[in-house]
Protein backbone atom coordinates (compact mmCIF):
# COMPACT_ATOMS: atom_id res chain seq x y z
CA MET A 1 0.00 0.00 0.00
CA ALA A 2 2.81 2.37 0.87
CA GLU A 3 4.49 1.68 -2.47
CA THR A 4 1.23 2.46 -4.30
CA ALA A 5 0.53 5.62 -2.29
CA GLN A 6 3.93 7.16 -3.08
CA PRO A 7 3.44 7.37 -6.89
CA ARG A 8 -0.09 8.71 -6.35
CA LYS A 9 1.27 11.42 -4.06
CA GLN A 10 3.92 12.40 -6.62
CA ALA A 11 1.33 12.44 -9.41
CA GLY A 12 -0.98 14.57 -7.27
CA SER A 13 1.76 17.12 -6.52
CA GLY A 14 2.73 17.25 -10.20
CA MET A 15 -0.89 17.82 -11.24
CA ARG A 16 -1.27 20.53 -8.61
CA LEU A 17 1.87 22.28 -9.87
CA LEU A 18 0.57 22.09 -13.44
CA LEU A 19 -2.80 23.53 -12.42
CA SER A 20 -1.07 26.31 -10.48
CA PHE A 21 0.96 27.22 -13.57
CA ALA A 22 -2.21 27.26 -15.68
CA CYS A 23 -3.88 29.55 -13.14
CA VAL A 24 -0.90 31.93 -13.27
CA VAL A 25 -1.13 32.08 -17.08
CA ILE A 26 -4.87 32.79 -16.89
CA ILE A 27 -4.32 35.54 -14.30
CA VAL A 28 -1.56 37.15 -16.38
CA MET A 29 -3.69 37.11 -19.54
CA GLY A 30 -6.63 38.51 -17.59
CA LEU A 31 -4.53 41.36 -16.18
CA LYS A 32 -3.24 42.13 -19.66
CA ALA A 33 -6.71 42.06 -21.22
CA ALA A 34 -8.13 44.31 -18.48
CA SER A 35 -5.20 46.74 -18.52
CA ASP A 36 -7.50 49.71 -19.22
CA LEU A 37 -9.21 48.99 -15.91
CA PHE A 38 -6.21 48.12 -13.75
CA ILE A 39 -3.70 50.75 -14.94
CA PRO A 40 -5.63 53.76 -13.51
CA ILE A 41 -6.19 51.85 -10.26
CA MET A 42 -2.51 51.00 -9.86
CA LEU A 43 -1.45 54.52 -10.85
CA GLY A 44 -3.81 55.93 -8.24
CA MET A 45 -2.36 53.63 -5.58
CA PHE A 46 1.15 54.55 -6.71
CA LEU A 47 0.45 58.30 -6.45
CA ALA A 48 -1.23 57.81 -3.07
CA LEU A 49 1.78 55.96 -1.68
CA LEU A 50 4.04 58.71 -3.02
CA SER A 51 1.84 61.34 -1.35
CA LEU A 52 1.45 59.68 2.05
CA PRO A 53 4.78 61.02 3.42
CA ILE A 54 3.59 64.57 2.65
CA LEU A 55 0.23 63.85 4.29
CA ASN A 56 1.87 62.36 7.39
CA TRP A 57 4.19 65.35 7.68
CA LEU A 58 1.23 67.75 7.53
CA ASP A 59 -0.46 65.66 10.23
CA ARG A 60 2.58 65.95 12.45
CA VAL A 61 2.66 69.70 11.90
CA GLY A 62 -0.83 69.85 13.38
CA LEU A 63 -2.95 70.55 10.32
CA PRO A 64 -6.46 69.06 10.55
CA ARG A 65 -6.88 65.87 8.55
CA PRO A 66 -9.27 67.25 5.87
CA LEU A 67 -7.05 70.26 5.27
CA ALA A 68 -3.95 68.04 5.19
CA VAL A 69 -5.56 65.83 2.53
CA LEU A 70 -6.61 68.88 0.50
CA ALA A 71 -3.12 70.43 0.75
CA THR A 72 -1.51 67.14 -0.31
CA ILE A 73 -3.78 66.91 -3.35
CA LEU A 74 -2.96 70.50 -4.35
CA ILE A 75 0.76 69.81 -4.03
CA ASP A 76 0.37 66.72 -6.21
CA PHE A 77 -1.51 68.69 -8.86
CA LEU A 78 1.16 71.41 -8.88
CA ILE A 79 4.01 68.90 -9.24
CA LEU A 80 2.31 66.80 -11.94
CA GLY A 81 1.10 69.89 -13.80
CA GLY A 82 4.59 71.39 -13.75
CA ILE A 83 6.13 68.19 -15.12
CA VAL A 84 3.53 67.95 -17.90
CA PHE A 85 3.92 71.65 -18.79
CA LEU A 86 7.71 71.47 -18.99
CA ALA A 87 7.71 68.18 -20.89
CA SER A 88 5.15 69.29 -23.48
CA GLY A 89 7.01 72.52 -24.22
CA VAL A 90 10.44 70.93 -24.50
CA ILE A 91 9.18 68.04 -26.64
CA GLY A 92 7.55 70.54 -29.01
CA ASP A 93 10.85 72.43 -29.42
CA PHE A 94 12.68 69.15 -29.96
CA GLN A 95 10.25 68.21 -32.74
CA GLU A 96 10.95 71.50 -34.53
CA LYS A 97 14.68 70.78 -34.60
CA SER A 98 14.35 67.09 -35.42
CA LYS A 99 14.64 67.67 -39.19
CA GLY A 100 17.94 69.46 -38.75
CA TYR A 101 19.24 66.67 -36.53
CA ALA A 102 18.15 64.05 -39.04
CA GLU A 103 19.89 65.89 -41.90
CA ARG A 104 23.15 66.10 -39.93
CA MET A 105 22.75 62.46 -39.01
CA ARG A 106 22.32 61.56 -42.68
CA LYS A 107 25.46 63.45 -43.71
CA GLN A 108 27.50 61.86 -40.93
CA ALA A 109 26.18 58.45 -41.91
CA GLU A 110 27.19 59.06 -45.53
CA GLU A 111 30.68 60.17 -44.48
CA PHE A 112 31.04 57.15 -42.22
CA SER A 113 29.82 54.83 -44.98
CA ALA A 114 32.23 56.38 -47.49
CA THR A 115 35.11 55.90 -45.04
CA ILE A 116 34.19 52.24 -44.53
CA ASP A 117 33.88 51.72 -48.29
CA GLY A 118 37.35 53.23 -48.75
CA LYS A 119 38.79 50.85 -46.18
CA ILE A 120 37.07 47.92 -47.89
CA GLU A 121 38.43 49.01 -51.29
CA LYS A 122 41.97 49.21 -49.92
CA LEU A 123 41.56 45.77 -48.40
CA GLU A 124 40.27 44.45 -51.74
CA ASN A 125 43.25 45.93 -53.60
CA PHE A 126 45.65 44.44 -51.08
CA TRP A 127 43.89 41.08 -51.37
CA ASN A 128 44.13 41.09 -55.18
CA ARG A 129 47.78 42.19 -55.06
CA MET A 130 48.59 39.34 -52.71
CA GLY A 131 46.83 36.92 -55.07
CA LEU A 132 48.76 38.27 -58.07
CA GLU A 133 52.09 37.98 -56.28
CA MET A 134 51.34 34.43 -55.16
CA GLN A 135 50.41 33.41 -58.71
CA ASN A 136 53.62 34.98 -60.08
CA ASN A 137 55.64 33.13 -57.47
CA GLU A 138 53.95 29.87 -58.41
CA LYS A 139 54.76 30.47 -62.11
CA ASP A 140 58.42 31.23 -61.26
CA GLU A 141 58.66 28.02 -59.25
CA GLU A 142 57.15 25.99 -62.10
CA ALA A 143 59.56 27.58 -64.58
CA HIS A 144 62.51 26.84 -62.30
CA GLN A 145 61.44 23.22 -61.90
CA ASN A 146 61.08 22.84 -65.69
CA GLY A 147 64.63 24.15 -66.19
CA ASP A 148 63.65 27.44 -67.83
CA VAL A 149 66.31 30.10 -67.80
CA GLY A 150 65.44 33.46 -66.38
CA LEU A 151 65.68 36.76 -68.23
CA PRO A 152 68.99 38.57 -68.68
CA PRO A 153 69.95 40.81 -65.78
CA ASP A 154 69.59 44.01 -67.81
CA SER A 155 66.12 43.14 -69.07
CA THR A 156 62.97 44.60 -67.59
CA VAL A 157 59.49 43.23 -67.22
CA SER A 158 56.48 45.45 -67.57
CA ASN A 159 53.78 44.27 -65.20
CA PRO A 160 50.22 44.59 -66.46
CA PRO A 161 47.79 46.73 -64.51
CA LEU A 162 46.50 45.21 -61.31
CA GLY A 163 44.02 42.47 -62.07
CA ASP A 164 44.48 42.50 -65.86
CA SER A 165 46.54 39.30 -65.81
CA LEU A 166 43.85 37.49 -63.86
CA GLU A 167 40.67 36.08 -65.24
CA PRO A 168 37.48 37.41 -63.63
CA ASP A 169 37.06 34.14 -61.78
CA GLU A 170 40.70 34.08 -60.63
CA LYS A 171 40.89 37.40 -58.80
CA GLY A 172 41.70 36.97 -55.15
CA LEU A 173 43.00 33.95 -53.30
CA GLY A 174 41.50 30.64 -54.31
CA ASP A 175 37.75 30.58 -53.94
CA LEU A 176 37.64 33.85 -51.93
CA THR A 177 36.45 36.23 -54.63
CA ILE A 178 34.90 39.65 -54.29
CA SER A 179 31.78 39.91 -56.38
CA GLU A 180 31.07 43.14 -58.20
CA ASN A 181 27.38 42.65 -57.42
CA PHE A 182 28.02 42.62 -53.66
CA PRO A 183 26.46 45.77 -52.13
CA THR A 184 28.71 48.44 -50.69
CA PHE A 185 28.59 49.41 -47.04
CA SER A 186 26.84 52.66 -47.99
CA GLU A 187 24.04 50.73 -49.68
CA MET A 188 23.67 48.32 -46.76
CA PHE A 189 23.68 51.18 -44.24
CA SER A 190 21.11 53.16 -46.21
CA ASP A 191 18.84 50.10 -46.22
CA PHE A 192 19.24 49.76 -42.47
CA PHE A 193 19.04 53.46 -41.54
CA ASP A 194 16.84 56.08 -43.11
CA ALA A 195 16.91 59.58 -41.64
CA THR A 196 13.53 60.32 -43.22
CA ARG A 197 11.90 57.61 -41.14
CA VAL A 198 13.48 59.08 -38.00
CA VAL A 199 11.97 62.49 -38.80
CA GLU A 200 8.58 60.93 -39.50
CA PHE A 201 8.70 59.03 -36.20
CA ILE A 202 9.62 62.12 -34.17
CA GLY A 203 7.20 64.34 -36.05
CA GLY A 204 4.43 61.78 -35.67
CA PHE A 205 4.55 62.13 -31.90
CA ASP A 206 1.51 64.31 -31.33
CA VAL A 207 2.17 66.00 -28.00
CA VAL A 208 -1.37 67.29 -27.57
CA SER A 209 -3.13 63.98 -28.29
CA ARG A 210 -0.65 61.96 -26.21
CA PHE A 211 -1.02 64.22 -23.19
CA THR A 212 -4.79 64.30 -23.66
CA SER A 213 -4.85 60.50 -23.53
CA LEU A 214 -2.56 60.59 -20.51
CA ALA A 215 -4.83 63.13 -18.83
CA SER A 216 -7.90 60.94 -19.34
CA THR A 217 -6.10 58.00 -17.74
CA SER A 218 -4.66 60.18 -14.99
CA PHE A 219 -8.09 61.62 -14.14
CA PHE A 220 -9.35 58.30 -12.81
CA ALA A 221 -6.00 57.68 -11.16
CA LEU A 222 -6.26 61.02 -9.35
CA ILE A 223 -9.81 60.23 -8.21
CA ILE A 224 -8.59 56.94 -6.73
CA MET A 225 -5.63 58.72 -5.13
CA ILE A 226 -7.93 61.27 -3.46
CA PHE A 227 -10.12 58.59 -1.87
CA VAL A 228 -7.13 56.51 -0.79
CA LEU A 229 -5.61 59.55 0.91
CA ALA A 230 -8.93 60.45 2.52
CA GLU A 231 -9.24 56.99 4.11
CA SER A 232 -5.55 56.38 4.80
CA GLY A 233 -5.94 57.00 8.52
CA ARG A 234 -8.47 54.19 8.93
CA TYR A 235 -6.48 51.29 7.49
CA ALA A 236 -4.82 50.34 10.78
CA HIS A 237 -8.24 50.15 12.47
CA LYS A 238 -9.60 48.08 9.58
CA VAL A 239 -6.76 45.56 9.96
CA ALA A 240 -7.58 45.24 13.66
CA ASP A 241 -11.30 44.87 12.88
CA VAL A 242 -10.58 42.05 10.40
CA LEU A 243 -8.59 40.22 13.07
CA HIS A 244 -11.39 40.81 15.57
CA VAL A 245 -13.90 39.00 13.34
CA LYS A 246 -11.39 36.12 12.89
CA GLY A 247 -10.43 37.13 9.35
CA PRO A 248 -6.98 36.82 7.77
CA ASP A 249 -4.03 38.65 9.26
CA LEU A 250 -3.48 41.69 7.04
CA SER A 251 -0.76 43.22 9.19
CA ARG A 252 1.93 41.89 6.88
CA PHE A 253 0.33 43.75 3.96
CA GLN A 254 0.29 46.88 6.09
CA ASN A 255 4.00 46.47 6.81
CA THR A 256 4.64 45.87 3.12
CA SER A 257 2.76 49.03 2.19
CA GLN A 258 4.99 50.95 4.59
CA ASP A 259 8.05 49.38 2.96
CA ILE A 260 6.72 50.35 -0.48
CA GLN A 261 6.24 53.91 0.78
CA LYS A 262 9.86 54.02 1.91
CA TYR A 263 11.00 52.48 -1.36
CA LEU A 264 9.10 55.04 -3.45
CA ALA A 265 10.29 57.94 -1.28
CA ILE A 266 13.93 56.86 -1.60
CA LYS A 267 13.50 56.11 -5.31
CA THR A 268 11.99 59.56 -5.88
CA ALA A 269 14.87 61.30 -4.10
CA VAL A 270 17.42 59.24 -6.03
CA SER A 271 15.61 59.90 -9.33
CA ILE A 272 15.61 63.65 -8.67
CA ALA A 273 19.36 63.54 -8.02
CA THR A 274 19.89 61.47 -11.18
CA GLY A 275 17.83 63.90 -13.26
CA ILE A 276 19.71 66.95 -11.94
CA LEU A 277 23.11 65.37 -12.59
CA ALA A 278 22.04 64.28 -16.09
CA MET A 279 20.83 67.81 -16.86
CA LEU A 280 24.12 69.32 -15.61
CA THR A 281 26.07 66.84 -17.75
CA CYS A 282 24.16 67.89 -20.86
CA MET A 283 24.68 71.56 -19.99
CA ILE A 284 28.45 71.07 -19.56
CA PHE A 285 28.76 69.33 -22.94
CA ARG A 286 26.31 71.82 -24.53
CA VAL A 287 23.87 69.11 -25.59
CA ASP A 288 20.59 70.64 -26.72
CA PHE A 289 17.54 70.40 -24.43
CA PRO A 290 19.27 69.52 -21.14
CA LEU A 291 15.98 69.96 -19.27
CA LEU A 292 14.33 67.29 -21.44
CA TRP A 293 17.11 64.77 -20.82
CA GLY A 294 17.00 65.55 -17.10
CA LEU A 295 13.26 64.80 -17.05
CA VAL A 296 13.84 61.62 -19.04
CA ALA A 297 16.52 60.49 -16.58
CA PHE A 298 14.23 61.31 -13.64
CA LEU A 299 11.26 59.35 -14.99
CA PHE A 300 13.19 56.38 -16.38
CA ASN A 301 15.13 55.93 -13.16
CA TYR A 302 11.93 54.52 -11.61
CA VAL A 303 12.31 51.54 -13.95
CA PRO A 304 14.85 49.23 -12.27
CA ALA A 305 17.93 47.88 -14.03
CA ILE A 306 17.23 49.11 -17.59
CA GLY A 307 15.60 52.51 -17.12
CA SER A 308 18.78 54.51 -16.51
CA ILE A 309 20.49 52.78 -19.46
CA VAL A 310 17.68 53.68 -21.86
CA ALA A 311 17.61 57.27 -20.57
CA GLY A 312 21.26 57.77 -21.51
CA ILE A 313 20.95 56.72 -25.16
CA PRO A 314 19.26 59.88 -26.65
CA PRO A 315 21.68 62.50 -25.21
CA VAL A 316 24.71 60.41 -26.25
CA LEU A 317 23.37 60.12 -29.81
CA LEU A 318 22.56 63.84 -29.89
CA ALA A 319 26.08 64.70 -28.71
CA LEU A 320 27.44 62.45 -31.47
CA ILE A 321 25.32 64.25 -34.07
CA LEU A 322 26.18 67.75 -32.86
CA TYR A 323 29.84 67.55 -31.86
CA GLY A 324 31.32 64.25 -32.98
CA PHE A 325 32.79 61.15 -31.40
CA TRP A 326 34.77 62.35 -28.38
CA PRO A 327 32.13 64.68 -26.88
CA ALA A 328 29.67 61.79 -27.18
CA VAL A 329 32.16 59.57 -25.34
CA GLY A 330 32.39 62.24 -22.63
CA VAL A 331 28.61 62.29 -22.19
CA LEU A 332 28.56 58.49 -22.12
CA VAL A 333 31.27 58.32 -19.45
CA CYS A 334 29.46 60.88 -17.28
CA TYR A 335 26.20 58.95 -17.54
CA LEU A 336 28.00 55.73 -16.64
CA VAL A 337 29.60 57.36 -13.60
CA ILE A 338 26.24 58.77 -12.46
CA ASN A 339 24.37 55.50 -12.91
CA ILE A 340 27.07 53.30 -11.39
CA THR A 341 27.61 55.59 -8.39
CA ILE A 342 23.94 56.09 -7.62
CA GLY A 343 22.64 52.70 -8.72
CA ASN A 344 25.35 50.50 -7.22
CA PHE A 345 26.39 52.43 -4.11
CA ILE A 346 24.08 55.23 -2.94
CA GLU A 347 20.70 53.64 -3.69
CA PRO A 348 21.51 50.20 -2.17
CA MET A 349 22.91 51.95 0.90
CA LEU A 350 19.68 53.93 1.35
CA LEU A 351 17.35 51.03 0.58
CA GLY A 352 19.22 48.49 2.69
CA GLU A 353 18.02 44.89 2.82
CA ARG A 354 14.45 45.52 3.92
CA PHE A 355 12.87 44.88 0.52
CA GLY A 356 14.32 41.39 0.11
CA LEU A 357 14.10 40.92 -3.68
CA SER A 358 16.99 39.37 -5.57
CA THR A 359 18.44 41.23 -8.55
CA VAL A 360 17.35 38.52 -10.99
CA ILE A 361 13.77 38.72 -9.72
CA VAL A 362 13.82 42.52 -10.10
CA ILE A 363 14.93 42.26 -13.75
CA LEU A 364 12.40 39.52 -14.50
CA SER A 365 9.65 41.52 -12.80
CA VAL A 366 10.39 44.50 -15.06
CA LEU A 367 10.03 42.27 -18.13
CA VAL A 368 6.88 40.49 -16.92
CA TRP A 369 5.01 43.56 -15.68
CA GLY A 370 6.15 45.48 -18.76
CA TYR A 371 4.59 42.77 -20.92
CA ILE A 372 1.35 42.94 -18.91
CA TRP A 373 0.88 46.70 -18.50
CA GLY A 374 3.53 48.33 -20.68
CA PRO A 375 5.48 51.32 -19.30
CA VAL A 376 3.21 51.57 -16.24
CA GLY A 377 3.97 47.95 -15.39
CA MET A 378 7.71 48.58 -15.70
CA LEU A 379 7.33 51.64 -13.48
CA LEU A 380 5.49 49.69 -10.76
CA ALA A 381 7.40 46.41 -11.18
CA VAL A 382 9.14 46.39 -7.79
CA PRO A 383 6.12 47.42 -5.63
CA LEU A 384 3.87 44.91 -7.41
CA THR A 385 6.43 42.13 -7.04
CA MET A 386 6.76 42.91 -3.34
CA LEU A 387 3.00 42.48 -2.93
CA VAL A 388 3.13 39.18 -4.82
CA LYS A 389 5.96 38.02 -2.55
CA VAL A 390 3.89 38.79 0.55
CA MET A 391 0.90 36.88 -0.83
CA LEU A 392 3.11 33.88 -1.57
CA ASP A 393 4.68 34.13 1.86
CA ASN A 394 1.24 33.85 3.45
CA SER A 395 0.53 30.61 1.56
CA SER A 396 1.92 27.40 3.00
CA ASP A 397 1.86 25.76 -0.45
CA PHE A 398 3.77 28.50 -2.26
CA ARG A 399 6.02 29.89 0.46
CA TRP A 400 8.98 28.21 -1.26
CA ILE A 401 8.48 30.53 -4.25
CA SER A 402 8.66 33.52 -1.91
CA THR A 403 11.93 32.12 -0.56
CA ILE A 404 13.34 31.87 -4.09
CA MET A 405 12.32 35.47 -4.77
CA GLY A 406 14.21 36.65 -1.69
CA LYS A 407 17.87 37.57 -1.44
CA GLY A 408 18.98 34.46 0.41
CA ALA A 409 19.04 32.63 3.71
CA GLY A 410 18.90 35.81 5.77
CA ASP A 411 15.59 36.83 4.29
CA HIS A 412 14.13 33.37 4.80
CA SER A 413 15.38 33.05 8.36
CA GLU A 414 14.00 36.45 9.23
CA ALA A 415 10.58 35.54 7.84
CA SER A 416 10.60 32.16 9.50
CA GLY A 417 11.71 33.76 12.75
CA LYS A 418 8.73 36.08 12.66
CA GLY A 419 6.46 33.14 11.90
CA ASP A 420 7.91 31.11 14.77
CA ALA A 421 7.50 34.01 17.16
CA GLU A 422 3.90 34.50 16.09
CA SER A 423 3.19 30.78 16.45
CA GLU A 424 4.80 30.72 19.90
CA ASN A 425 2.73 33.68 21.06
CA ALA A 426 -0.49 32.35 19.56
CA PRO A 427 -3.02 30.90 22.05
CA ILE A 428 -3.45 27.11 22.09
CA ASP A 429 -6.93 25.59 22.07
CA PHE A 430 -7.37 22.53 24.29
CA PRO A 431 -10.11 19.92 23.78
CA ASP A 432 -11.95 20.98 26.95
CA GLY A 433 -12.32 24.51 25.67
CA LYS A 434 -9.61 26.07 27.81
CA ARG A 435 -6.92 28.19 26.17
CA ALA A 436 -3.25 28.51 27.09
């Protein structure tokens, strides 16, 4: 019986794992299909968590709660409105100059292609010359072996022009021939890069319509943010009330929301510093629109791992177009120093180990949430993954996945230590109804 039960148990666990994977796929597809519904909700929660430190500070100052909520909302509107106003104006100016940038880019691409074609032509001539010399040497060796006598010392030999002594199919070394029908580098580069398409892409970005669409999405997000801020002071009482009616323990979610608040506050401060340093870098190297690239660095720094890399590409390319290779290298080096210093030293020091997500999980979360909800998903990847980790940690069946998502044994031991302490302090029910 024991031998029969073991395969059944293994088959049951395998089937359960397969069903769990199917459920995850269904949930992911559902979240992606209902993105128009969930994106405003998550943006509203995101803005509310960003605003809670301001609200708590106004509470500590002594401002009444309704006035503190109203003041926080006004501050949010001023900040968001200022960002939208600056971004729309700078993007409009950038669009006006995009044709000039594309024309300079086209000329530089043609010069670069002509240089590469010249190098290829020199290499081809050298290759053919080497083939001609090798064939002449082979003929001399054959003549020497056949006993032919060389020319008199005072005689001269007039060599034919390069390639004339070779048949069309004999140019080069052996089978390595250079076809006249093979496209030049200029032709290949023009097929790959078209400055006209770049101008059409930049010019096709309708600032008014894009920001109108963003405003319609942000309107519902702001409504959700207002109600979340208005009821933020009651969440601790609601958690206690749920426990009082023997519901699930939501205190861990409350702690996670506080951690997400700290994460977003630190990330915002770090992003502001990154944006300011990026703007100063562009000003030092006289790259056009330094304010735009500072805003791009500020916003993209919220996206872990890849955001700061993507934010550095446009100013480096613009420096290459305007001033050439070495100024672009200077901008690139400055961006690398900023991102490495802040991303690898300052930010980890400020964040510490409280968030407990491994680097691989952070990168994968950016890809997964980006696939589900696009840029908003990439922006909220870390907070959403932290919530998923807490939900998995509260499940006895899937707690092992939460352990894998963590940073290592320290994270697991800390979680298990909390669980052991809670289990030790929990009351024990005896059969006679008494409790210890």
